[in-house]
């Protein structure tokens, strides 16, 4: 192997080990470090492939210590590598309860990750910027019209022609605000550049679900721009509005496809908090699960346990007439994750067919052996001068398996951290290894 390639391999391995040593997710090696999840990984890959034609929905259930969080992080990495936008939201029963659709939507927007913008959480702005630079997208969403192709007069005609009630004005105003030379505003409002920056922040805050001024105030402000634009509609923090926010997520995923991405992956972790809600709030949480499951796409809709006619309908006027989806082929992948409990499972079963609910199995001794073998090989690659004894993999995996069985290693991330730190001892203080093993045996009653 050439020296340059060997050096790159060593650097990659060393960076991966450093992430494991710190107890964080490796940026590139998580799938290679994952064991005992081949079935689940294949399911995720098939789901993402299905998103080419429609959308997909899935739930992963696993008790504490089975690596549920590890699995979700793996889904994120796989999806990003496949050119999806990704956002993972961790629910709670207070500030981010599954009965609060706007708050969850806002958290999704705040955590949005782009495959071509690694390590950044820029919300919807990069997506809207790409849309505003794409003439085909502008025409599709009726976000740029002229005398030849005027904006239809009524909102119902606009929706039938391709307008998205929320994304179309966001795209249209993003396009208009990008060309400040043509903005004509009263002098008392200041310079066009400063005003455009303020107006753009106002627009982004609205479409991302931030607490902001009323939609009428935003309309009045943005109407300073000459031209006919789609109206800004309200986005309120009301519990019956799950259908509206599902419609928006569907549209965002379709927009992502239209500008060149594969779609959108939304992961809702700790959905078990459903069981802690009051009876009334469970009704609203169940509505969110169901409405967002319908928002995924038309494929398999007939197999859904919930009828679209039974969903709660929030909003006013035209908002109450919105369809469940802007598109039937949005590329939207919705993933729920839950620690199993009877109430939470019942809530999921009312939103997803049983074949879409998967249970994570505990890792086995052979799984821990594979993980240990991978970590030892990675360590030897990163530190070729380290004297790691041959045959250490078997005894070390026995230790790992025993610690996991006793709950001392609660998840795969802790296991990888332990293995990395143990190999550090082997490398820097080999004489201490027997004492370390003896202490582990005494402390954990091996």
Protein backbone atom coordinates (compact mmCIF):
# COMPACT_ATOMS: atom_id res chain seq x y z
CA UNK A 1 0.00 0.00 0.00
CA UNK A 2 1.49 3.40 -0.95
CA UNK A 3 2.61 5.60 1.92
CA UNK A 4 0.06 8.32 1.07
CA UNK A 5 -2.87 5.90 1.14
CA UNK A 6 -1.61 4.26 4.31
CA UNK A 7 -1.32 7.67 5.97
CA UNK A 8 -4.88 8.57 4.94
CA UNK A 9 -6.14 5.26 6.30
CA UNK A 10 -4.35 5.83 9.58
CA UNK A 11 -5.79 9.33 9.88
CA UNK A 12 -9.31 8.09 9.15
CA UNK A 13 -8.98 5.31 11.73
CA UNK A 14 -7.50 7.67 14.33
CA UNK A 15 -10.31 10.20 13.91
CA UNK A 16 -12.92 7.46 14.21
CA UNK A 17 -11.31 6.15 17.39
CA UNK A 18 -11.11 9.64 18.86
CA UNK A 19 -14.86 10.07 18.37
CA UNK A 20 -15.45 6.72 20.09
CA UNK A 21 -13.09 7.66 22.91
CA UNK A 22 -15.13 10.82 23.50
CA UNK A 23 -18.37 8.88 23.38
CA UNK A 24 -19.71 10.66 20.31
CA UNK A 25 -20.91 9.31 16.99
CA UNK A 26 -18.13 8.65 14.47
CA UNK A 27 -18.64 10.86 11.46
CA UNK A 28 -17.98 8.19 8.84
CA UNK A 29 -17.43 4.78 10.42
CA UNK A 30 -20.63 4.14 12.33
CA UNK A 31 -22.05 1.62 9.86
CA UNK A 32 -18.78 -0.36 9.82
CA UNK A 33 -18.82 -0.37 13.64
CA UNK A 34 -22.43 -1.55 13.85
CA UNK A 35 -23.07 -5.22 14.59
CA UNK A 36 -26.22 -7.28 14.95
CA UNK A 37 -28.34 -4.85 12.94
CA UNK A 38 -28.08 -6.22 9.40
CA UNK A 39 -31.83 -6.82 9.20
CA UNK A 40 -32.68 -3.30 10.37
CA UNK A 41 -30.09 -1.72 8.04
CA UNK A 42 -31.56 -3.60 5.09
CA UNK A 43 -35.03 -2.37 6.09
CA UNK A 44 -33.82 1.24 6.18
CA UNK A 45 -32.16 0.90 2.80
CA UNK A 46 -35.32 -0.53 1.26
CA UNK A 47 -37.39 2.24 2.83
CA UNK A 48 -35.11 4.91 1.41
CA UNK A 49 -35.24 3.23 -1.97
CA UNK A 50 -39.05 3.29 -1.80
CA UNK A 51 -38.83 7.05 -1.28
CA UNK A 52 -37.79 7.35 -4.92
CA UNK A 53 -41.38 6.51 -5.88
CA UNK A 54 -43.40 7.72 -2.91
CA UNK A 55 -42.47 7.80 0.77
CA UNK A 56 -41.98 5.42 3.67
CA UNK A 57 -42.89 5.11 7.34
CA UNK A 58 -41.28 3.00 10.05
CA UNK A 59 -41.13 2.54 13.83
CA UNK A 60 -38.22 1.02 15.74
CA UNK A 61 -38.88 -0.18 19.28
CA UNK A 62 -36.13 -1.17 21.68
CA UNK A 63 -35.65 -1.41 25.43
CA UNK A 64 -32.99 0.68 27.15
CA UNK A 65 -29.52 -0.61 26.34
CA UNK A 66 -30.40 -2.21 23.01
CA UNK A 67 -28.85 0.58 20.97
CA UNK A 68 -31.97 2.42 19.80
CA UNK A 69 -30.17 5.78 19.74
CA UNK A 70 -27.24 4.15 17.93
CA UNK A 71 -29.69 2.82 15.33
CA UNK A 72 -31.23 6.25 14.80
CA UNK A 73 -27.82 7.86 14.37
CA UNK A 74 -27.03 5.17 11.82
CA UNK A 75 -30.23 6.00 9.93
CA UNK A 76 -29.13 9.64 9.83
CA UNK A 77 -25.75 8.74 8.35
CA UNK A 78 -27.18 6.33 5.78
CA UNK A 79 -29.76 8.91 4.70
CA UNK A 80 -27.24 11.73 4.40
CA UNK A 81 -24.99 9.52 2.27
CA UNK A 82 -28.00 8.93 0.02
CA UNK A 83 -28.52 12.67 -0.44
CA UNK A 84 -31.51 13.13 1.89
CA UNK A 85 -32.11 16.09 4.16
CA UNK A 86 -32.32 14.74 7.71
CA UNK A 87 -33.68 15.95 11.04
CA UNK A 88 -33.99 14.08 14.32
CA UNK A 89 -36.13 15.40 17.16
CA UNK A 90 -36.15 14.04 20.70
CA UNK A 91 -39.60 14.38 22.22
CA UNK A 92 -40.42 15.01 25.86
CA UNK A 93 -43.67 15.27 27.79
CA UNK A 94 -43.33 18.97 28.64
CA UNK A 95 -41.87 21.38 26.09
CA UNK A 96 -41.84 19.05 23.08
CA UNK A 97 -44.75 16.70 23.63
CA UNK A 98 -46.08 14.66 20.68
CA UNK A 99 -49.35 16.55 21.08
CA UNK A 100 -47.71 19.85 19.99
CA UNK A 101 -47.29 19.78 16.20
CA UNK A 102 -45.92 23.29 15.71
CA UNK A 103 -43.24 22.86 18.35
CA UNK A 104 -42.15 19.57 16.83
CA UNK A 105 -42.18 21.10 13.34
CA UNK A 106 -40.05 24.01 14.58
CA UNK A 107 -37.58 21.56 16.18
CA UNK A 108 -37.40 19.64 12.89
CA UNK A 109 -36.58 22.82 11.00
CA UNK A 110 -34.02 23.90 13.61
CA UNK A 111 -32.20 20.54 13.36
CA UNK A 112 -32.30 20.19 9.58
CA UNK A 113 -29.07 18.72 8.15
CA UNK A 114 -27.99 18.84 4.50
CA UNK A 115 -25.80 16.22 2.82
CA UNK A 116 -23.80 18.93 1.05
CA UNK A 117 -23.51 21.17 4.13
CA UNK A 118 -21.99 18.86 6.76
CA UNK A 119 -21.96 19.86 10.41
CA UNK A 120 -24.39 22.73 9.78
CA UNK A 121 -27.95 23.27 10.95
CA UNK A 122 -29.20 26.06 8.73
CA UNK A 123 -32.91 25.41 8.75
CA UNK A 124 -34.83 26.02 5.54
CA UNK A 125 -32.74 28.89 4.21
CA UNK A 126 -30.38 26.81 2.01
CA UNK A 127 -33.34 24.93 0.52
CA UNK A 128 -35.28 28.12 -0.21
CA UNK A 129 -32.18 29.74 -1.69
CA UNK A 130 -31.76 26.83 -4.11
CA UNK A 131 -35.44 26.95 -5.00
CA UNK A 132 -35.28 30.70 -5.67
CA UNK A 133 -32.42 30.14 -8.15
CA UNK A 134 -34.25 27.41 -10.05
CA UNK A 135 -36.61 28.69 -12.79
CA UNK A 136 -38.43 25.35 -13.07
CA UNK A 137 -39.12 25.30 -9.33
CA UNK A 138 -40.31 28.90 -9.37
CA UNK A 139 -42.79 28.05 -12.11
CA UNK A 140 -43.94 24.79 -10.52
CA UNK A 141 -44.79 26.42 -7.19
CA UNK A 142 -46.25 29.53 -8.87
CA UNK A 143 -43.59 31.48 -7.03
CA UNK A 144 -42.75 33.65 -10.05
CA UNK A 145 -45.45 34.78 -12.45
CA UNK A 146 -45.72 37.31 -15.24
CA UNK A 147 -48.31 38.58 -17.72
CA UNK A 148 -47.96 35.40 -19.76
CA UNK A 149 -48.42 33.14 -16.72
CA UNK A 150 -50.34 35.20 -14.16
CA UNK A 151 -51.13 33.96 -10.69
CA UNK A 152 -54.65 32.42 -10.68
CA UNK A 153 -57.11 34.71 -8.96
CA UNK A 154 -58.60 32.47 -6.26
CA UNK A 155 -56.63 30.48 -3.70
CA UNK A 156 -58.40 27.24 -4.71
CA UNK A 157 -57.35 27.77 -8.33
CA UNK A 158 -53.81 28.47 -7.15
CA UNK A 159 -53.71 25.23 -5.14
CA UNK A 160 -54.99 23.28 -8.13
CA UNK A 161 -52.34 24.89 -10.33
CA UNK A 162 -49.45 23.84 -8.08
CA UNK A 163 -49.20 26.44 -5.34
CA UNK A 164 -48.18 25.23 -1.88
CA UNK A 165 -50.04 27.30 0.69
CA UNK A 166 -46.88 27.90 2.75
CA UNK A 167 -43.82 27.09 0.66
CA UNK A 168 -44.89 29.06 -2.41
CA UNK A 169 -44.89 32.46 -0.64
CA UNK A 170 -41.65 31.52 1.11
CA UNK A 171 -40.00 30.75 -2.24
CA UNK A 172 -41.52 33.79 -3.97
CA UNK A 173 -40.37 36.26 -1.34
CA UNK A 174 -36.93 34.61 -1.08
CA UNK A 175 -36.58 35.19 -4.82
CA UNK A 176 -37.77 38.79 -4.59
CA UNK A 177 -35.59 39.66 -1.59
CA UNK A 178 -32.49 38.31 -3.32
CA UNK A 179 -32.59 41.22 -5.78
CA UNK A 180 -32.62 44.28 -3.52
CA UNK A 181 -31.87 46.67 -6.38
CA UNK A 182 -35.47 46.29 -7.53
CA UNK A 183 -37.01 46.77 -4.09
CA UNK A 184 -38.75 50.13 -3.78
CA UNK A 185 -39.71 51.01 -0.22
CA UNK A 186 -40.59 54.26 1.55
CA UNK A 187 -37.53 56.19 2.67
CA UNK A 188 -38.47 56.13 6.33
CA UNK A 189 -37.97 52.35 6.40
CA UNK A 190 -34.25 52.73 5.76
CA UNK A 191 -31.93 51.39 3.09
CA UNK A 192 -33.23 48.56 0.85
CA UNK A 193 -30.40 46.22 1.85
CA UNK A 194 -31.08 46.58 5.58
CA UNK A 195 -34.83 46.33 5.08
CA UNK A 196 -34.46 43.24 2.88
CA UNK A 197 -32.30 41.57 5.55
CA UNK A 198 -34.95 42.29 8.19
CA UNK A 199 -37.76 41.10 5.92
CA UNK A 200 -35.87 37.91 5.10
CA UNK A 201 -35.44 37.09 8.80
CA UNK A 202 -39.15 37.71 9.28
CA UNK A 203 -39.96 35.34 6.43
CA UNK A 204 -37.65 32.57 7.67
CA UNK A 205 -38.93 32.85 11.23
CA UNK A 206 -42.48 32.42 9.94
CA UNK A 207 -41.91 29.41 7.66
CA UNK A 208 -39.74 27.62 10.25
CA UNK A 209 -42.37 27.97 12.96
CA UNK A 210 -40.52 30.41 15.23
CA UNK A 211 -42.69 32.54 17.52
CA UNK A 212 -43.05 35.67 15.44
CA UNK A 213 -45.39 38.47 14.41
CA UNK A 214 -48.88 37.72 13.09
CA UNK A 215 -49.23 36.59 9.51
CA UNK A 216 -51.15 39.79 8.74
CA UNK A 217 -48.25 41.92 10.01
CA UNK A 218 -45.84 39.87 7.90
CA UNK A 219 -48.06 40.29 4.84
CA UNK A 220 -48.20 44.05 5.41
CA UNK A 221 -44.42 44.24 5.74
CA UNK A 222 -43.64 42.13 2.67
CA UNK A 223 -46.24 43.91 0.55
CA UNK A 224 -43.71 46.72 0.36
CA UNK A 225 -42.26 44.68 -2.51
CA UNK A 226 -43.92 45.42 -5.81
CA UNK A 227 -45.69 42.57 -7.53
CA UNK A 228 -48.36 40.00 -6.78
CA UNK A 229 -47.29 37.36 -4.30
CA UNK A 230 -49.04 34.42 -2.63
CA UNK A 231 -50.50 35.33 0.73
CA UNK A 232 -48.75 34.54 4.03
CA UNK A 233 -51.02 32.26 6.10
CA UNK A 234 -50.88 31.70 9.84
CA UNK A 235 -48.83 28.98 11.52
CA UNK A 236 -50.20 28.66 15.04
CA UNK A 237 -49.22 26.63 18.08
CA UNK A 238 -52.54 24.81 18.21
CA UNK A 239 -52.76 21.12 19.00
CA UNK A 240 -55.33 20.19 16.28
CA UNK A 241 -52.99 21.47 13.52
CA UNK A 242 -51.04 18.22 12.92
CA UNK A 243 -52.56 17.79 9.45
CA UNK A 244 -51.38 21.26 8.38
CA UNK A 245 -47.81 20.65 9.57
CA UNK A 246 -47.81 17.22 7.90
CA UNK A 247 -48.83 18.93 4.65
CA UNK A 248 -45.88 21.33 5.05
CA UNK A 249 -43.39 18.52 5.76
CA UNK A 250 -44.62 16.69 2.68
CA UNK A 251 -44.09 19.86 0.64
CA UNK A 252 -40.60 20.43 2.03
CA UNK A 253 -39.61 16.89 1.08
CA UNK A 254 -40.98 17.35 -2.44
CA UNK A 255 -39.19 20.69 -2.74
CA UNK A 256 -35.97 18.98 -1.67
CA UNK A 257 -36.41 16.50 -4.52
CA UNK A 258 -37.17 19.30 -6.96
CA UNK A 259 -33.85 21.04 -6.26
CA UNK A 260 -31.78 17.85 -6.48
CA UNK A 261 -31.92 16.09 -3.11
CA UNK A 262 -33.48 12.66 -2.56
CA UNK A 263 -36.09 13.86 -0.10
CA UNK A 264 -36.46 14.38 3.65
CA UNK A 265 -35.96 12.00 6.59
CA UNK A 266 -37.71 12.93 9.86
CA UNK A 267 -36.89 10.92 13.00
CA UNK A 268 -39.04 11.33 16.11
CA UNK A 269 -37.24 9.77 19.07
CA UNK A 270 -38.69 8.86 22.48
CA UNK A 271 -42.25 8.66 21.19
CA UNK A 272 -42.98 6.70 24.38
CA UNK A 273 -43.70 10.05 26.06
CA UNK A 274 -47.13 9.56 24.51
CA UNK A 275 -47.90 7.36 27.54
CA UNK A 276 -47.28 10.24 29.97
CA UNK A 277 -49.82 12.57 28.39
CA UNK A 278 -53.31 13.28 29.61
CA UNK A 279 -56.19 11.57 27.81
CA UNK A 280 -56.93 14.74 25.83
CA UNK A 281 -53.32 15.24 24.81
CA UNK A 282 -53.06 11.60 23.76
CA UNK A 283 -55.86 12.35 21.31
CA UNK A 284 -53.80 15.16 19.80
CA UNK A 285 -50.60 13.07 19.81
CA UNK A 286 -52.42 10.23 18.10
CA UNK A 287 -53.66 12.75 15.54
CA UNK A 288 -50.05 13.79 14.85
CA UNK A 289 -48.89 10.20 14.41
CA UNK A 290 -51.78 9.49 12.05
CA UNK A 291 -51.73 12.72 10.04
CA UNK A 292 -47.97 12.56 9.50
CA UNK A 293 -48.19 8.89 8.55
CA UNK A 294 -50.70 9.90 5.87
CA UNK A 295 -48.42 12.77 4.80
CA UNK A 296 -45.71 10.30 3.81
CA UNK A 297 -47.32 9.30 0.50
CA UNK A 298 -50.10 7.42 -1.18
CA UNK A 299 -48.39 4.01 -1.41
CA UNK A 300 -49.89 1.61 1.15
CA UNK A 301 -52.34 4.29 2.30
CA UNK A 302 -55.21 1.82 2.14
CA UNK A 303 -53.37 -0.41 4.60
CA UNK A 304 -53.11 2.35 7.19
CA UNK A 305 -55.16 1.65 10.32
CA UNK A 306 -56.47 5.22 10.41
CA UNK A 307 -58.84 6.75 7.92
CA UNK A 308 -58.04 10.17 6.50
CA UNK A 309 -61.67 11.13 7.14
CA UNK A 310 -61.21 10.64 10.89
CA UNK A 311 -58.22 13.00 11.26
CA UNK A 312 -58.55 16.21 13.20
CA UNK A 313 -58.74 19.28 10.97
CA UNK A 314 -57.29 22.47 12.36
CA UNK A 315 -57.01 25.93 10.90
CA UNK A 316 -59.49 28.32 9.35
CA UNK A 317 -60.99 28.74 5.91
CA UNK A 318 -58.80 27.31 3.17
CA UNK A 319 -56.50 25.75 5.78
CA UNK A 320 -59.28 23.34 6.68
CA UNK A 321 -59.53 22.29 3.03
CA UNK A 322 -55.86 21.48 2.57
CA UNK A 323 -55.08 17.96 1.37
CA UNK A 324 -53.07 15.57 3.50
CA UNK A 325 -50.23 15.87 1.03
CA UNK A 326 -48.93 18.39 -1.47
CA UNK A 327 -47.39 15.47 -3.39
CA UNK A 328 -47.95 11.71 -3.54
CA UNK A 329 -44.25 11.16 -4.34
CA UNK A 330 -42.46 13.41 -1.84
CA UNK A 331 -39.51 11.21 -0.86
CA UNK A 332 -40.51 11.62 2.78
CA UNK A 333 -39.29 9.02 5.29
CA UNK A 334 -40.93 9.23 8.72
CA UNK A 335 -39.31 7.23 11.53
CA UNK A 336 -40.67 6.82 15.05
CA UNK A 337 -38.52 5.40 17.86
CA UNK A 338 -39.88 4.21 21.19
CA UNK A 339 -38.99 2.29 24.29
CA UNK A 340 -41.83 -0.26 24.31
CA UNK A 341 -44.79 0.37 26.58
CA UNK A 342 -48.38 -0.66 26.08
CA UNK A 343 -49.84 2.84 25.73
CA UNK A 344 -47.19 4.05 23.30
CA UNK A 345 -47.35 0.92 21.17
CA UNK A 346 -51.11 1.27 20.94
CA UNK A 347 -50.67 4.84 19.72
CA UNK A 348 -48.25 3.73 17.00
CA UNK A 349 -50.46 0.83 15.98
CA UNK A 350 -53.25 3.32 15.28
CA UNK A 351 -50.98 5.14 12.83
CA UNK A 352 -48.81 2.42 11.26
CA UNK A 353 -49.60 -1.05 9.92
CA UNK A 354 -47.96 -3.79 12.03
CA UNK A 355 -45.44 -4.70 9.31
CA UNK A 356 -43.91 -1.24 9.69
CA UNK A 357 -43.20 -1.65 13.43
CA UNK A 358 -39.84 -3.31 14.13
CA UNK A 359 -38.45 -4.53 17.45
CA UNK A 360 -34.71 -4.36 18.13
CA UNK A 361 -33.23 -7.59 19.48
CA UNK A 362 -30.46 -7.68 22.12
CA UNK A 363 -26.90 -8.02 20.85
CA UNK A 364 -25.40 -11.49 21.27
CA UNK A 365 -21.92 -12.76 22.19
CA UNK A 366 -21.02 -13.20 18.47
CA UNK A 367 -22.09 -9.59 17.90
CA UNK A 368 -19.77 -8.35 20.61
CA UNK A 369 -16.96 -10.44 19.15
CA UNK A 370 -17.47 -8.81 15.73
CA UNK A 371 -17.49 -5.36 17.34
CA UNK A 372 -14.30 -6.14 19.25
CA UNK A 373 -12.58 -7.51 16.14
CA UNK A 374 -13.49 -4.37 14.22
CA UNK A 375 -12.25 -2.04 16.96
CA UNK A 376 -8.97 -3.93 17.37
CA UNK A 377 -8.37 -3.87 13.60
CA UNK A 378 -9.17 -0.15 13.52
CA UNK A 379 -6.79 0.48 16.40
CA UNK A 380 -3.99 -1.43 14.70
CA UNK A 381 -4.54 0.62 11.54
CA UNK A 382 -4.49 3.93 13.41
CA UNK A 383 -1.44 3.08 15.55
CA UNK A 384 0.73 0.68 13.62
CA UNK A 385 3.48 0.95 16.26
CA UNK A 386 1.16 -0.18 19.07
CA UNK A 387 1.86 -3.68 20.38
CA UNK A 388 -1.62 -5.17 20.52
CA UNK A 389 -1.31 -8.89 21.42
CA UNK A 390 -2.52 -11.39 18.86
CA UNK A 391 -5.66 -13.20 19.90
CA UNK A 392 -6.82 -10.46 22.26
CA UNK A 393 -10.17 -10.20 20.48
CA UNK A 394 -11.76 -13.31 22.00
CA UNK A 395 -10.99 -12.68 25.69
CA UNK A 396 -11.74 -8.97 25.35
CA UNK A 397 -15.14 -9.65 23.72
CA UNK A 398 -15.93 -12.01 26.64
CA UNK A 399 -15.32 -9.12 29.03
CA UNK A 400 -17.49 -6.81 26.94
CA UNK A 401 -20.29 -9.37 26.75
CA UNK A 402 -20.24 -9.88 30.54
CA UNK A 403 -20.28 -6.13 31.21
CA UNK A 404 -23.17 -5.68 28.80
CA UNK A 405 -25.16 -8.51 30.37
CA UNK A 406 -24.75 -6.91 33.78
CA UNK A 407 -25.79 -3.49 32.50
CA UNK A 408 -22.37 -1.89 32.94
CA UNK A 409 -22.25 -1.15 29.21
CA UNK A 410 -25.69 0.25 28.46
CA UNK A 411 -25.45 0.70 24.68
CA UNK A 412 -23.13 0.25 21.68
CA UNK A 413 -21.66 3.73 22.08
CA UNK A 414 -20.53 2.97 25.64
CA UNK A 415 -19.16 -0.35 24.44
CA UNK A 416 -17.05 1.26 21.72
CA UNK A 417 -15.80 3.85 24.21
CA UNK A 418 -14.82 1.10 26.67
CA UNK A 419 -12.99 -0.90 23.99
CA UNK A 420 -11.07 2.16 22.79
CA UNK A 421 -10.03 3.11 26.33
CA UNK A 422 -9.02 -0.48 27.12
CA UNK A 423 -6.83 -0.62 24.01
CA UNK A 424 -5.29 2.70 25.10
CA UNK A 425 -4.20 0.96 28.30
CA UNK A 426 -2.80 -1.95 26.30
CA UNK A 427 -0.86 0.51 24.17
CA UNK A 428 0.46 2.93 26.81
CA UNK A 429 0.53 0.87 30.02
CA UNK A 430 0.51 -2.85 29.13
CA UNK A 431 1.72 -3.71 32.60
CA UNK A 432 -1.57 -2.41 34.05
CA UNK A 433 -3.78 -4.69 31.94
CA UNK A 434 -3.86 -7.57 34.47
CA UNK A 435 -4.81 -5.14 37.26
CA UNK A 436 -7.55 -3.60 35.15
CA UNK A 437 -8.99 -7.00 34.31
CA UNK A 438 -8.76 -8.09 37.95
CA UNK A 439 -10.60 -4.94 39.07
CA UNK A 440 -13.30 -5.49 36.49
CA UNK A 441 -13.74 -9.07 37.65
CA UNK A 442 -14.01 -8.00 41.30
CA UNK A 443 -16.28 -5.03 40.70
CA UNK A 444 -18.66 -6.96 38.46
CA UNK A 445 -18.48 -10.44 39.99
CA UNK A 446 -17.43 -12.26 36.81
